[in-house]
Amino acid sequence: MLEISIFKKYKGQTLVEIILAVAVAITVIVALVTLAVSAMRYAQSSMMRSVGEKLAAGGIEAVRIKRNSSVDAYDNLGAGHYFIDGGDLVSTSSEFSSISYDKYTFSRKIDIGTDTGSYKNIFVEVRWQEGAGDRKVYLSSRIYKY
């Protein structure tokens, strides 16, 4: 009879063991979900930054294309703000122009500095809204007179 009572005493799982096993399982699942969400957020942020960098590089290329369009195009590029309209560089009084990409909106500002005699500085800034804050990318370059 003693053996039967010992057998019944250790039969099955206790409530404490079950609660502990469930708590460990929930902790592991929450950690994996948090890791997956963070990875997706960083991937999205990286993609947005890549698009911003390409838009900034496109602004610099637009200035170079305009400079190469004619012999006196360099002299016609005065200091100020510009935006790209239908592939052409157009002077504007406003600083930023809006660019839609997928479901996101970027703002680009192309500035050409004053002529130093042999070159002009180009500054391009691209902004976008991401999460709770603004993100920015800056690129600068020089164009030289031939």
N, C-alpha and C. Protein backbone atom coordinates (compact mmCIF):
# COMPACT_ATOMS: atom_id res chain seq x y z
N MET A 1 0.82 -1.19 0.00
CA MET A 1 0.00 0.00 0.00
C MET A 1 0.86 1.25 0.00
N LEU A 2 1.99 1.14 0.62
CA LEU A 2 2.91 2.26 0.63
C LEU A 2 3.38 2.61 -0.78
N GLU A 3 3.65 1.61 -1.61
CA GLU A 3 4.10 1.83 -2.97
C GLU A 3 3.02 2.52 -3.81
N ILE A 4 1.80 2.22 -3.64
CA ILE A 4 0.72 2.82 -4.41
C ILE A 4 0.60 4.30 -4.07
N SER A 5 0.71 4.67 -2.82
CA SER A 5 0.60 6.08 -2.46
C SER A 5 1.79 6.90 -3.00
N ILE A 6 2.97 6.29 -3.01
CA ILE A 6 4.13 6.98 -3.61
C ILE A 6 3.92 7.14 -5.10
N PHE A 7 3.40 6.13 -5.76
CA PHE A 7 3.14 6.18 -7.19
C PHE A 7 2.14 7.27 -7.51
N LYS A 8 1.08 7.40 -6.74
CA LYS A 8 0.08 8.43 -6.96
C LYS A 8 0.65 9.82 -6.68
N LYS A 9 1.58 9.93 -5.76
CA LYS A 9 2.15 11.22 -5.39
C LYS A 9 2.97 11.81 -6.54
N TYR A 10 3.69 10.97 -7.31
CA TYR A 10 4.55 11.47 -8.37
C TYR A 10 3.95 11.28 -9.76
N LYS A 11 2.71 11.00 -9.87
CA LYS A 11 2.07 10.78 -11.15
C LYS A 11 1.68 12.12 -11.78
N GLY A 12 2.04 12.34 -13.10
CA GLY A 12 1.62 13.52 -13.84
C GLY A 12 2.44 14.76 -13.51
N GLN A 13 2.03 15.91 -14.09
CA GLN A 13 2.72 17.18 -13.92
C GLN A 13 2.02 17.98 -12.83
N THR A 14 2.80 18.76 -12.12
CA THR A 14 2.19 19.65 -11.12
C THR A 14 1.80 20.95 -11.79
N LEU A 15 0.95 21.69 -11.16
CA LEU A 15 0.47 22.96 -11.69
C LEU A 15 1.63 23.95 -11.84
N VAL A 16 2.58 23.93 -10.91
CA VAL A 16 3.73 24.84 -10.97
C VAL A 16 4.58 24.55 -12.21
N GLU A 17 4.79 23.27 -12.52
CA GLU A 17 5.58 22.92 -13.70
C GLU A 17 4.89 23.35 -14.98
N ILE A 18 3.60 23.19 -15.05
CA ILE A 18 2.85 23.60 -16.24
C ILE A 18 2.91 25.11 -16.42
N ILE A 19 2.71 25.85 -15.35
CA ILE A 19 2.76 27.32 -15.43
C ILE A 19 4.16 27.77 -15.85
N LEU A 20 5.18 27.15 -15.31
CA LEU A 20 6.56 27.50 -15.66
C LEU A 20 6.84 27.20 -17.14
N ALA A 21 6.39 26.07 -17.64
CA ALA A 21 6.61 25.71 -19.04
C ALA A 21 5.87 26.68 -19.97
N VAL A 22 4.65 27.05 -19.63
CA VAL A 22 3.89 28.01 -20.44
C VAL A 22 4.57 29.38 -20.42
N ALA A 23 5.07 29.80 -19.26
CA ALA A 23 5.75 31.10 -19.16
C ALA A 23 7.01 31.13 -20.02
N VAL A 24 7.77 30.06 -20.00
CA VAL A 24 8.99 29.99 -20.84
C VAL A 24 8.61 30.02 -22.31
N ALA A 25 7.58 29.28 -22.70
CA ALA A 25 7.14 29.27 -24.11
C ALA A 25 6.67 30.65 -24.54
N ILE A 26 5.90 31.33 -23.72
CA ILE A 26 5.42 32.68 -24.05
C ILE A 26 6.58 33.65 -24.17
N THR A 27 7.56 33.56 -23.28
CA THR A 27 8.73 34.43 -23.33
C THR A 27 9.50 34.23 -24.64
N VAL A 28 9.68 33.00 -25.06
CA VAL A 28 10.39 32.71 -26.31
C VAL A 28 9.60 33.25 -27.51
N ILE A 29 8.29 33.05 -27.52
CA ILE A 29 7.46 33.53 -28.63
C ILE A 29 7.49 35.05 -28.71
N VAL A 30 7.36 35.74 -27.58
CA VAL A 30 7.40 37.20 -27.57
C VAL A 30 8.76 37.70 -28.07
N ALA A 31 9.83 37.06 -27.67
CA ALA A 31 11.17 37.46 -28.12
C ALA A 31 11.31 37.29 -29.63
N LEU A 32 10.81 36.21 -30.17
CA LEU A 32 10.90 35.97 -31.62
C LEU A 32 10.05 36.97 -32.41
N VAL A 33 8.86 37.27 -31.93
CA VAL A 33 8.00 38.24 -32.61
C VAL A 33 8.63 39.63 -32.56
N THR A 34 9.19 40.01 -31.42
CA THR A 34 9.85 41.31 -31.29
C THR A 34 11.04 41.40 -32.24
N LEU A 35 11.80 40.35 -32.35
CA LEU A 35 12.94 40.31 -33.27
C LEU A 35 12.48 40.45 -34.72
N ALA A 36 11.41 39.77 -35.09
CA ALA A 36 10.90 39.85 -36.45
C ALA A 36 10.39 41.25 -36.77
N VAL A 37 9.67 41.87 -35.84
CA VAL A 37 9.15 43.22 -36.05
C VAL A 37 10.29 44.23 -36.18
N SER A 38 11.31 44.09 -35.35
CA SER A 38 12.48 44.99 -35.43
C SER A 38 13.21 44.82 -36.76
N ALA A 39 13.36 43.60 -37.21
CA ALA A 39 14.03 43.34 -38.48
C ALA A 39 13.25 43.96 -39.64
N MET A 40 11.93 43.86 -39.60
CA MET A 40 11.11 44.47 -40.65
C MET A 40 11.21 45.99 -40.62
N ARG A 41 11.23 46.57 -39.43
CA ARG A 41 11.33 48.02 -39.29
C ARG A 41 12.67 48.52 -39.82
N TYR A 42 13.76 47.84 -39.49
CA TYR A 42 15.08 48.24 -39.99
C TYR A 42 15.20 48.06 -41.50
N ALA A 43 14.59 47.03 -42.03
CA ALA A 43 14.60 46.82 -43.48
C ALA A 43 13.84 47.94 -44.19
N GLN A 44 12.70 48.33 -43.64
CA GLN A 44 11.91 49.43 -44.21
C GLN A 44 12.70 50.74 -44.15
N SER A 45 13.33 51.01 -43.03
CA SER A 45 14.12 52.22 -42.87
C SER A 45 15.29 52.24 -43.85
N SER A 46 15.92 51.11 -44.05
CA SER A 46 17.03 51.00 -44.98
C SER A 46 16.57 51.26 -46.42
N MET A 47 15.40 50.72 -46.77
CA MET A 47 14.86 50.95 -48.10
C MET A 47 14.54 52.43 -48.33
N MET A 48 13.96 53.07 -47.32
CA MET A 48 13.64 54.50 -47.44
C MET A 48 14.91 55.33 -47.59
N ARG A 49 15.94 55.01 -46.84
CA ARG A 49 17.20 55.74 -46.96
C ARG A 49 17.83 55.54 -48.34
N SER A 50 17.75 54.33 -48.85
CA SER A 50 18.27 54.05 -50.18
C SER A 50 17.55 54.86 -51.25
N VAL A 51 16.23 54.94 -51.14
CA VAL A 51 15.46 55.76 -52.09
C VAL A 51 15.85 57.22 -51.96
N GLY A 52 16.00 57.71 -50.72
CA GLY A 52 16.41 59.10 -50.50
C GLY A 52 17.77 59.39 -51.11
N GLU A 53 18.72 58.46 -50.96
CA GLU A 53 20.05 58.65 -51.54
C GLU A 53 19.99 58.67 -53.07
N LYS A 54 19.15 57.82 -53.65
CA LYS A 54 19.02 57.81 -55.11
C LYS A 54 18.37 59.09 -55.62
N LEU A 55 17.40 59.60 -54.88
CA LEU A 55 16.78 60.87 -55.29
C LEU A 55 17.77 62.02 -55.19
N ALA A 56 18.61 62.01 -54.16
CA ALA A 56 19.64 63.05 -54.02
C ALA A 56 20.66 62.95 -55.15
N ALA A 57 21.10 61.74 -55.46
CA ALA A 57 22.04 61.55 -56.56
C ALA A 57 21.42 61.97 -57.89
N GLY A 58 20.12 61.71 -58.04
CA GLY A 58 19.41 62.14 -59.24
C GLY A 58 19.37 63.65 -59.38
N GLY A 59 19.28 64.36 -58.25
CA GLY A 59 19.31 65.82 -58.29
C GLY A 59 20.66 66.34 -58.77
N ILE A 60 21.74 65.74 -58.30
CA ILE A 60 23.07 66.14 -58.75
C ILE A 60 23.25 65.83 -60.23
N GLU A 61 22.78 64.67 -60.66
CA GLU A 61 22.89 64.29 -62.07
C GLU A 61 22.08 65.23 -62.96
N ALA A 62 20.94 65.69 -62.48
CA ALA A 62 20.12 66.63 -63.27
C ALA A 62 20.88 67.93 -63.52
N VAL A 63 21.63 68.39 -62.51
CA VAL A 63 22.43 69.61 -62.69
C VAL A 63 23.54 69.35 -63.70
N ARG A 64 24.18 68.21 -63.63
CA ARG A 64 25.25 67.89 -64.60
C ARG A 64 24.71 67.76 -66.02
N ILE A 65 23.56 67.14 -66.14
CA ILE A 65 22.94 67.02 -67.47
C ILE A 65 22.61 68.39 -68.02
N LYS A 66 22.08 69.26 -67.18
CA LYS A 66 21.75 70.64 -67.62
C LYS A 66 23.02 71.37 -68.04
N ARG A 67 24.11 71.20 -67.27
CA ARG A 67 25.37 71.84 -67.62
C ARG A 67 25.88 71.35 -68.97
N ASN A 68 25.71 70.08 -69.26
CA ASN A 68 26.21 69.50 -70.51
C ASN A 68 25.29 69.72 -71.70
N SER A 69 24.12 70.32 -71.49
CA SER A 69 23.13 70.45 -72.56
C SER A 69 23.53 71.45 -73.64
N SER A 70 24.33 72.46 -73.32
CA SER A 70 24.77 73.42 -74.32
C SER A 70 26.08 74.06 -73.86
N VAL A 71 26.68 74.82 -74.75
CA VAL A 71 27.98 75.42 -74.46
C VAL A 71 27.88 76.44 -73.32
N ASP A 72 26.84 77.24 -73.32
CA ASP A 72 26.73 78.27 -72.30
C ASP A 72 25.78 77.89 -71.15
N ALA A 73 25.44 76.61 -71.04
CA ALA A 73 24.51 76.17 -69.99
C ALA A 73 25.10 76.38 -68.60
N TYR A 74 26.41 76.22 -68.44
CA TYR A 74 27.04 76.44 -67.14
C TYR A 74 26.79 77.86 -66.66
N ASP A 75 26.96 78.82 -67.56
CA ASP A 75 26.76 80.23 -67.20
C ASP A 75 25.29 80.54 -66.90
N ASN A 76 24.38 79.78 -67.50
CA ASN A 76 22.95 80.01 -67.27
C ASN A 76 22.44 79.41 -65.96
N LEU A 77 23.25 78.56 -65.34
CA LEU A 77 22.86 77.99 -64.05
C LEU A 77 23.27 78.96 -62.95
N GLY A 78 22.35 79.80 -62.56
CA GLY A 78 22.63 80.77 -61.51
C GLY A 78 22.45 80.17 -60.13
N ALA A 79 22.93 80.87 -59.15
CA ALA A 79 22.78 80.41 -57.76
C ALA A 79 21.29 80.44 -57.39
N GLY A 80 20.85 79.44 -56.65
CA GLY A 80 19.47 79.42 -56.20
C GLY A 80 18.92 78.01 -56.06
N HIS A 81 17.60 77.95 -55.92
CA HIS A 81 16.89 76.68 -55.73
C HIS A 81 16.37 76.18 -57.07
N TYR A 82 16.39 74.86 -57.23
CA TYR A 82 15.92 74.24 -58.47
C TYR A 82 15.09 73.01 -58.14
N PHE A 83 14.25 72.60 -59.11
CA PHE A 83 13.55 71.33 -59.02
C PHE A 83 13.52 70.71 -60.41
N ILE A 84 13.22 69.43 -60.46
CA ILE A 84 13.19 68.70 -61.73
C ILE A 84 11.75 68.60 -62.18
N ASP A 85 11.49 69.09 -63.39
CA ASP A 85 10.15 69.05 -63.96
C ASP A 85 10.23 68.37 -65.32
N GLY A 86 9.71 67.16 -65.41
CA GLY A 86 9.71 66.43 -66.67
C GLY A 86 11.11 66.16 -67.20
N GLY A 87 12.06 65.97 -66.31
CA GLY A 87 13.44 65.69 -66.70
C GLY A 87 14.28 66.93 -66.91
N ASP A 88 13.68 68.12 -66.79
CA ASP A 88 14.42 69.37 -66.99
C ASP A 88 14.60 70.07 -65.64
N LEU A 89 15.72 70.73 -65.47
CA LEU A 89 16.01 71.47 -64.25
C LEU A 89 15.40 72.86 -64.37
N VAL A 90 14.56 73.23 -63.41
CA VAL A 90 13.82 74.49 -63.46
C VAL A 90 14.10 75.26 -62.18
N SER A 91 14.38 76.57 -62.33
CA SER A 91 14.61 77.44 -61.17
C SER A 91 13.28 77.70 -60.46
N THR A 92 13.35 77.79 -59.14
CA THR A 92 12.13 78.01 -58.36
C THR A 92 12.45 78.87 -57.15
N SER A 93 11.43 79.52 -56.62
CA SER A 93 11.62 80.31 -55.40
C SER A 93 11.37 79.48 -54.14
N SER A 94 10.60 78.40 -54.30
CA SER A 94 10.36 77.54 -53.13
C SER A 94 11.54 76.60 -52.96
N GLU A 95 11.76 76.15 -51.74
CA GLU A 95 12.94 75.35 -51.47
C GLU A 95 12.76 73.88 -51.84
N PHE A 96 11.66 73.26 -51.42
CA PHE A 96 11.50 71.82 -51.60
C PHE A 96 10.44 71.50 -52.64
N SER A 97 10.69 70.47 -53.42
CA SER A 97 9.68 69.94 -54.33
C SER A 97 9.30 68.54 -53.84
N SER A 98 8.06 68.17 -54.06
CA SER A 98 7.54 66.92 -53.54
C SER A 98 7.68 65.81 -54.59
N ILE A 99 8.09 64.62 -54.14
CA ILE A 99 8.26 63.47 -55.02
C ILE A 99 7.54 62.29 -54.38
N SER A 100 6.66 61.65 -55.14
CA SER A 100 5.96 60.47 -54.62
C SER A 100 6.67 59.22 -55.10
N TYR A 101 6.87 58.30 -54.17
CA TYR A 101 7.46 57.01 -54.49
C TYR A 101 6.66 55.95 -53.75
N ASP A 102 6.04 55.06 -54.52
CA ASP A 102 5.20 54.02 -53.94
C ASP A 102 4.12 54.72 -53.11
N LYS A 103 4.03 54.47 -51.82
CA LYS A 103 3.04 55.13 -50.96
C LYS A 103 3.68 56.19 -50.09
N TYR A 104 4.92 56.57 -50.38
CA TYR A 104 5.67 57.51 -49.57
C TYR A 104 5.89 58.81 -50.33
N THR A 105 6.10 59.88 -49.56
CA THR A 105 6.36 61.19 -50.16
C THR A 105 7.71 61.70 -49.67
N PHE A 106 8.54 62.06 -50.62
CA PHE A 106 9.86 62.63 -50.33
C PHE A 106 9.85 64.08 -50.78
N SER A 107 10.67 64.90 -50.14
CA SER A 107 10.84 66.29 -50.53
C SER A 107 12.31 66.50 -50.87
N ARG A 108 12.57 67.11 -52.04
CA ARG A 108 13.95 67.30 -52.48
C ARG A 108 14.21 68.79 -52.71
N LYS A 109 15.36 69.23 -52.27
CA LYS A 109 15.81 70.61 -52.48
C LYS A 109 17.16 70.55 -53.19
N ILE A 110 17.24 71.20 -54.34
CA ILE A 110 18.49 71.29 -55.10
C ILE A 110 18.94 72.74 -55.06
N ASP A 111 20.12 72.97 -54.50
CA ASP A 111 20.68 74.32 -54.42
C ASP A 111 21.99 74.36 -55.20
N ILE A 112 22.13 75.42 -55.98
CA ILE A 112 23.39 75.67 -56.68
C ILE A 112 24.01 76.91 -56.06
N GLY A 113 25.26 76.77 -55.64
CA GLY A 113 25.96 77.89 -55.02
C GLY A 113 26.46 78.88 -56.06
N THR A 114 27.04 79.97 -55.57
CA THR A 114 27.56 81.00 -56.47
C THR A 114 28.81 80.50 -57.21
N ASP A 115 29.05 81.08 -58.35
CA ASP A 115 30.19 80.70 -59.19
C ASP A 115 31.49 81.17 -58.54
N THR A 116 32.45 80.27 -58.41
CA THR A 116 33.74 80.63 -57.83
C THR A 116 34.76 80.96 -58.91
N GLY A 117 34.35 80.93 -60.15
CA GLY A 117 35.26 81.19 -61.26
C GLY A 117 35.49 79.94 -62.08
N SER A 118 35.73 78.84 -61.43
CA SER A 118 35.96 77.60 -62.18
C SER A 118 34.94 76.50 -61.82
N TYR A 119 34.20 76.66 -60.74
CA TYR A 119 33.22 75.63 -60.36
C TYR A 119 32.08 76.25 -59.55
N LYS A 120 31.00 75.46 -59.46
CA LYS A 120 29.85 75.80 -58.61
C LYS A 120 29.57 74.61 -57.70
N ASN A 121 29.23 74.89 -56.46
CA ASN A 121 28.87 73.83 -55.52
C ASN A 121 27.39 73.48 -55.68
N ILE A 122 27.10 72.20 -55.60
CA ILE A 122 25.72 71.71 -55.67
C ILE A 122 25.40 71.05 -54.33
N PHE A 123 24.27 71.41 -53.77
CA PHE A 123 23.81 70.81 -52.51
C PHE A 123 22.41 70.25 -52.74
N VAL A 124 22.22 68.99 -52.39
CA VAL A 124 20.91 68.36 -52.53
C VAL A 124 20.52 67.77 -51.18
N GLU A 125 19.32 68.09 -50.75
CA GLU A 125 18.78 67.54 -49.50
C GLU A 125 17.47 66.85 -49.81
N VAL A 126 17.31 65.64 -49.30
CA VAL A 126 16.06 64.89 -49.46
C VAL A 126 15.53 64.57 -48.07
N ARG A 127 14.24 64.84 -47.86
CA ARG A 127 13.59 64.58 -46.57
C ARG A 127 12.41 63.66 -46.77
N TRP A 128 12.08 62.91 -45.72
CA TRP A 128 10.89 62.09 -45.70
C TRP A 128 10.48 61.84 -44.27
N GLN A 129 9.21 61.51 -44.10
CA GLN A 129 8.65 61.21 -42.78
C GLN A 129 8.75 59.71 -42.55
N GLU A 130 9.32 59.33 -41.42
CA GLU A 130 9.44 57.92 -41.09
C GLU A 130 9.21 57.75 -39.60
N GLY A 131 8.24 56.96 -39.26
CA GLY A 131 7.92 56.77 -37.84
C GLY A 131 7.45 58.08 -37.24
N ALA A 132 8.06 58.44 -36.12
CA ALA A 132 7.65 59.66 -35.42
C ALA A 132 8.50 60.86 -35.80
N GLY A 133 9.48 60.71 -36.68
CA GLY A 133 10.36 61.83 -36.98
C GLY A 133 10.69 61.97 -38.45
N ASP A 134 11.40 63.06 -38.75
CA ASP A 134 11.86 63.33 -40.10
C ASP A 134 13.23 62.70 -40.30
N ARG A 135 13.46 62.22 -41.50
CA ARG A 135 14.77 61.69 -41.88
C ARG A 135 15.29 62.54 -43.03
N LYS A 136 16.63 62.63 -43.14
CA LYS A 136 17.24 63.48 -44.16
C LYS A 136 18.46 62.78 -44.76
N VAL A 137 18.71 63.11 -46.02
CA VAL A 137 19.93 62.70 -46.70
C VAL A 137 20.49 63.94 -47.38
N TYR A 138 21.78 64.17 -47.22
CA TYR A 138 22.46 65.29 -47.88
C TYR A 138 23.52 64.75 -48.82
N LEU A 139 23.61 65.34 -50.00
CA LEU A 139 24.71 65.07 -50.92
C LEU A 139 25.20 66.41 -51.47
N SER A 140 26.48 66.49 -51.70
CA SER A 140 27.03 67.71 -52.31
C SER A 140 28.06 67.30 -53.35
N SER A 141 28.24 68.17 -54.32
CA SER A 141 29.20 67.92 -55.38
C SER A 141 29.59 69.26 -55.99
N ARG A 142 30.45 69.20 -56.97
CA ARG A 142 30.85 70.40 -57.72
C ARG A 142 30.70 70.14 -59.20
N ILE A 143 30.30 71.18 -59.92
CA ILE A 143 30.36 71.11 -61.37
C ILE A 143 31.38 72.12 -61.82
N TYR A 144 32.17 71.73 -62.80
CA TYR A 144 33.23 72.57 -63.29
C TYR A 144 32.87 73.10 -64.67
N LYS A 145 33.36 74.29 -64.95
CA LYS A 145 33.17 74.89 -66.27
C LYS A 145 34.20 74.27 -67.20
N TYR A 146 33.77 73.91 -68.39
CA TYR A 146 34.71 73.32 -69.35
C TYR A 146 35.67 74.35 -69.88
